[in-house]
Amino acid sequence: MKSIIKAAVVAAIITIPALSFAQSQEQPVTRAQVRAELSQLRAAGYDPSDWMHYPENIQAAEAKVAADKANTAYGPSTTGTSQSGQ
């Protein structure tokens, strides 16, 4: 009976990290995706050669790109009002 319990514990110890590893894998980023993101950041005002203000300028550019992505949604406006049946 003790060998069955030991075998179950060993099996659990081996499988739990393997399951968590399988769930956390992401697709690698391609060069084209990195270049597209860099061009978006440059268009938003990021200058890679300005290393004196590095954390601030890239964070500001990333915030601007995120705001632009949030404002360019498809579909009708959901903030307006409408009337019908007059």
N, C-alpha and C. Protein backbone atom coordinates (compact mmCIF):
# COMPACT_ATOMS: atom_id res chain seq x y z
N MET A 1 0.82 -1.19 0.00
CA MET A 1 0.00 0.00 0.00
C MET A 1 0.86 1.25 0.00
N LYS A 2 1.98 1.20 0.72
CA LYS A 2 2.84 2.37 0.77
C LYS A 2 3.47 2.64 -0.59
N SER A 3 3.75 1.62 -1.36
CA SER A 3 4.36 1.83 -2.67
C SER A 3 3.37 2.48 -3.64
N ILE A 4 2.09 2.20 -3.50
CA ILE A 4 1.08 2.83 -4.35
C ILE A 4 0.99 4.31 -4.03
N ILE A 5 1.03 4.66 -2.75
CA ILE A 5 0.96 6.07 -2.36
C ILE A 5 2.19 6.81 -2.85
N LYS A 6 3.36 6.18 -2.69
CA LYS A 6 4.60 6.81 -3.16
C LYS A 6 4.56 7.00 -4.67
N ALA A 7 4.05 6.03 -5.38
CA ALA A 7 3.97 6.14 -6.83
C ALA A 7 3.01 7.26 -7.25
N ALA A 8 1.90 7.40 -6.53
CA ALA A 8 0.94 8.46 -6.85
C ALA A 8 1.54 9.84 -6.57
N VAL A 9 2.29 9.96 -5.46
CA VAL A 9 2.91 11.24 -5.14
C VAL A 9 3.97 11.60 -6.17
N VAL A 10 4.78 10.64 -6.56
CA VAL A 10 5.82 10.90 -7.56
C VAL A 10 5.18 11.27 -8.90
N ALA A 11 4.11 10.59 -9.27
CA ALA A 11 3.43 10.90 -10.52
C ALA A 11 2.84 12.31 -10.49
N ALA A 12 2.29 12.71 -9.35
CA ALA A 12 1.73 14.06 -9.23
C ALA A 12 2.83 15.11 -9.30
N ILE A 13 3.95 14.82 -8.66
CA ILE A 13 5.06 15.78 -8.67
C ILE A 13 5.60 15.96 -10.09
N ILE A 14 5.59 14.92 -10.87
CA ILE A 14 6.11 15.00 -12.24
C ILE A 14 5.11 15.67 -13.18
N THR A 15 3.83 15.38 -13.04
CA THR A 15 2.85 15.88 -14.01
C THR A 15 2.42 17.32 -13.76
N ILE A 16 2.40 17.79 -12.55
CA ILE A 16 1.94 19.16 -12.27
C ILE A 16 2.81 20.20 -12.96
N PRO A 17 4.14 20.16 -12.85
CA PRO A 17 4.93 21.16 -13.60
C PRO A 17 4.79 21.03 -15.11
N ALA A 18 4.63 19.82 -15.60
CA ALA A 18 4.48 19.63 -17.04
C ALA A 18 3.18 20.25 -17.53
N LEU A 19 2.11 20.14 -16.77
CA LEU A 19 0.84 20.73 -17.16
C LEU A 19 0.89 22.25 -17.11
N SER A 20 1.52 22.80 -16.10
CA SER A 20 1.60 24.25 -16.03
C SER A 20 2.49 24.82 -17.12
N PHE A 21 3.53 24.11 -17.51
CA PHE A 21 4.40 24.55 -18.60
C PHE A 21 3.66 24.53 -19.93
N ALA A 22 2.84 23.54 -20.15
CA ALA A 22 2.12 23.42 -21.41
C ALA A 22 1.11 24.55 -21.59
N GLN A 23 0.58 25.08 -20.52
CA GLN A 23 -0.41 26.13 -20.62
C GLN A 23 0.20 27.51 -20.81
N SER A 24 1.47 27.70 -20.47
CA SER A 24 2.04 29.04 -20.50
C SER A 24 2.84 29.34 -21.76
N GLN A 25 2.87 28.46 -22.72
CA GLN A 25 3.64 28.72 -23.93
C GLN A 25 2.89 29.68 -24.84
N GLU A 26 3.62 30.65 -25.39
CA GLU A 26 3.05 31.60 -26.32
C GLU A 26 3.78 31.48 -27.66
N GLN A 27 3.16 31.98 -28.69
CA GLN A 27 3.79 31.97 -30.00
C GLN A 27 4.92 32.99 -30.03
N PRO A 28 6.03 32.68 -30.66
CA PRO A 28 7.12 33.66 -30.73
C PRO A 28 6.74 34.84 -31.63
N VAL A 29 7.34 35.97 -31.34
CA VAL A 29 7.07 37.18 -32.11
C VAL A 29 7.97 37.17 -33.35
N THR A 30 7.41 37.50 -34.49
CA THR A 30 8.19 37.51 -35.73
C THR A 30 8.88 38.86 -35.91
N ARG A 31 9.84 38.90 -36.80
CA ARG A 31 10.54 40.16 -37.09
C ARG A 31 9.58 41.19 -37.67
N ALA A 32 8.66 40.74 -38.48
CA ALA A 32 7.70 41.66 -39.08
C ALA A 32 6.82 42.32 -38.01
N GLN A 33 6.45 41.54 -37.00
CA GLN A 33 5.64 42.11 -35.92
C GLN A 33 6.44 43.13 -35.11
N VAL A 34 7.71 42.84 -34.86
CA VAL A 34 8.56 43.77 -34.12
C VAL A 34 8.76 45.06 -34.92
N ARG A 35 9.01 44.92 -36.21
CA ARG A 35 9.19 46.11 -37.05
C ARG A 35 7.93 46.94 -37.13
N ALA A 36 6.77 46.30 -37.21
CA ALA A 36 5.51 47.03 -37.26
C ALA A 36 5.27 47.78 -35.95
N GLU A 37 5.57 47.14 -34.84
CA GLU A 37 5.39 47.80 -33.55
C GLU A 37 6.35 48.98 -33.40
N LEU A 38 7.59 48.80 -33.85
CA LEU A 38 8.55 49.90 -33.77
C LEU A 38 8.13 51.07 -34.65
N SER A 39 7.59 50.79 -35.83
CA SER A 39 7.15 51.89 -36.69
C SER A 39 5.95 52.61 -36.08
N GLN A 40 5.06 51.87 -35.40
CA GLN A 40 3.94 52.51 -34.71
C GLN A 40 4.45 53.40 -33.58
N LEU A 41 5.45 52.92 -32.84
CA LEU A 41 6.00 53.72 -31.74
C LEU A 41 6.70 54.97 -32.26
N ARG A 42 7.42 54.84 -33.38
CA ARG A 42 8.08 56.01 -33.96
C ARG A 42 7.06 57.02 -34.46
N ALA A 43 5.97 56.55 -35.03
CA ALA A 43 4.92 57.45 -35.49
C ALA A 43 4.24 58.16 -34.31
N ALA A 44 4.26 57.52 -33.14
CA ALA A 44 3.66 58.11 -31.94
C ALA A 44 4.62 59.05 -31.22
N GLY A 45 5.86 59.18 -31.73
CA GLY A 45 6.79 60.12 -31.15
C GLY A 45 7.97 59.52 -30.43
N TYR A 46 8.14 58.21 -30.48
CA TYR A 46 9.27 57.56 -29.80
C TYR A 46 10.53 57.72 -30.64
N ASP A 47 11.61 58.12 -30.00
CA ASP A 47 12.91 58.26 -30.66
C ASP A 47 13.88 57.30 -29.99
N PRO A 48 14.27 56.20 -30.67
CA PRO A 48 15.16 55.23 -30.04
C PRO A 48 16.53 55.79 -29.69
N SER A 49 16.95 56.86 -30.34
CA SER A 49 18.27 57.41 -30.05
C SER A 49 18.26 58.33 -28.82
N ASP A 50 17.10 58.66 -28.30
CA ASP A 50 17.01 59.51 -27.11
C ASP A 50 17.06 58.64 -25.86
N TRP A 51 18.24 58.21 -25.50
CA TRP A 51 18.39 57.30 -24.36
C TRP A 51 18.40 58.04 -23.03
N MET A 52 18.48 59.34 -23.03
CA MET A 52 18.46 60.11 -21.78
C MET A 52 17.08 60.08 -21.12
N HIS A 53 16.03 59.97 -21.93
CA HIS A 53 14.66 59.95 -21.42
C HIS A 53 13.98 58.63 -21.74
N TYR A 54 14.77 57.54 -21.66
CA TYR A 54 14.29 56.25 -22.15
C TYR A 54 12.98 55.77 -21.53
N PRO A 55 12.87 55.62 -20.26
CA PRO A 55 11.60 55.01 -19.80
C PRO A 55 10.39 55.89 -20.08
N GLU A 56 10.56 57.19 -19.95
CA GLU A 56 9.41 58.07 -20.12
C GLU A 56 8.93 58.13 -21.56
N ASN A 57 9.88 58.26 -22.51
CA ASN A 57 9.43 58.46 -23.89
C ASN A 57 8.81 57.21 -24.50
N ILE A 58 9.30 56.03 -24.16
CA ILE A 58 8.67 54.83 -24.74
C ILE A 58 7.33 54.55 -24.06
N GLN A 59 7.22 54.85 -22.78
CA GLN A 59 5.93 54.65 -22.10
C GLN A 59 4.88 55.60 -22.66
N ALA A 60 5.27 56.83 -22.94
CA ALA A 60 4.32 57.79 -23.52
C ALA A 60 3.90 57.35 -24.92
N ALA A 61 4.84 56.86 -25.71
CA ALA A 61 4.51 56.40 -27.06
C ALA A 61 3.61 55.16 -27.01
N GLU A 62 3.89 54.24 -26.09
CA GLU A 62 3.05 53.05 -25.96
C GLU A 62 1.64 53.42 -25.52
N ALA A 63 1.52 54.40 -24.63
CA ALA A 63 0.19 54.85 -24.20
C ALA A 63 -0.56 55.48 -25.36
N LYS A 64 0.14 56.25 -26.18
CA LYS A 64 -0.51 56.88 -27.33
C LYS A 64 -0.96 55.84 -28.35
N VAL A 65 -0.14 54.82 -28.61
CA VAL A 65 -0.51 53.76 -29.54
C VAL A 65 -1.71 52.99 -29.00
N ALA A 66 -1.72 52.70 -27.70
CA ALA A 66 -2.84 51.98 -27.10
C ALA A 66 -4.12 52.81 -27.18
N ALA A 67 -4.01 54.12 -26.97
CA ALA A 67 -5.19 54.99 -27.06
C ALA A 67 -5.70 55.05 -28.50
N ASP A 68 -4.78 55.09 -29.47
CA ASP A 68 -5.19 55.10 -30.87
C ASP A 68 -5.89 53.80 -31.25
N LYS A 69 -5.39 52.68 -30.73
CA LYS A 69 -6.03 51.39 -31.03
C LYS A 69 -7.42 51.32 -30.40
N ALA A 70 -7.58 51.91 -29.22
CA ALA A 70 -8.88 51.88 -28.55
C ALA A 70 -9.89 52.77 -29.27
N ASN A 71 -9.42 53.82 -29.93
CA ASN A 71 -10.32 54.76 -30.60
C ASN A 71 -10.66 54.35 -32.02
N THR A 72 -10.03 53.35 -32.57
CA THR A 72 -10.29 52.94 -33.94
C THR A 72 -11.06 51.62 -33.96
N ALA A 73 -12.26 51.64 -33.40
CA ALA A 73 -13.10 50.44 -33.36
C ALA A 73 -14.04 50.45 -34.57
N TYR A 74 -14.46 49.28 -34.97
CA TYR A 74 -15.40 49.14 -36.07
C TYR A 74 -16.82 49.12 -35.53
N GLY A 75 -17.74 49.53 -36.37
CA GLY A 75 -19.14 49.46 -36.00
C GLY A 75 -19.69 50.82 -35.64
N PRO A 76 -20.97 50.86 -35.30
CA PRO A 76 -21.60 52.14 -34.98
C PRO A 76 -21.14 52.67 -33.62
N SER A 77 -21.33 53.94 -33.44
CA SER A 77 -21.00 54.57 -32.16
C SER A 77 -21.98 54.10 -31.10
N THR A 78 -21.49 53.81 -29.94
CA THR A 78 -22.36 53.36 -28.85
C THR A 78 -22.58 54.45 -27.83
N THR A 79 -22.08 55.65 -28.08
CA THR A 79 -22.21 56.74 -27.11
C THR A 79 -23.34 57.70 -27.45
N GLY A 80 -23.94 57.59 -28.59
CA GLY A 80 -24.99 58.52 -29.00
C GLY A 80 -26.37 58.04 -28.61
N THR A 81 -27.35 58.86 -28.95
CA THR A 81 -28.76 58.49 -28.73
C THR A 81 -29.45 58.43 -30.07
N SER A 82 -30.59 57.79 -30.12
CA SER A 82 -31.34 57.70 -31.36
C SER A 82 -32.83 57.79 -31.07
N GLN A 83 -33.57 58.23 -32.09
CA GLN A 83 -35.02 58.32 -32.00
C GLN A 83 -35.61 57.54 -33.16
N SER A 84 -36.76 56.97 -32.90
CA SER A 84 -37.44 56.29 -34.01
C SER A 84 -38.94 56.44 -33.85
N GLY A 85 -39.66 56.30 -34.96
CA GLY A 85 -41.11 56.29 -34.95
C GLY A 85 -41.76 57.65 -34.85
N GLN A 86 -41.18 58.68 -35.44
CA GLN A 86 -41.83 59.98 -35.37
C GLN A 86 -42.73 60.20 -36.54
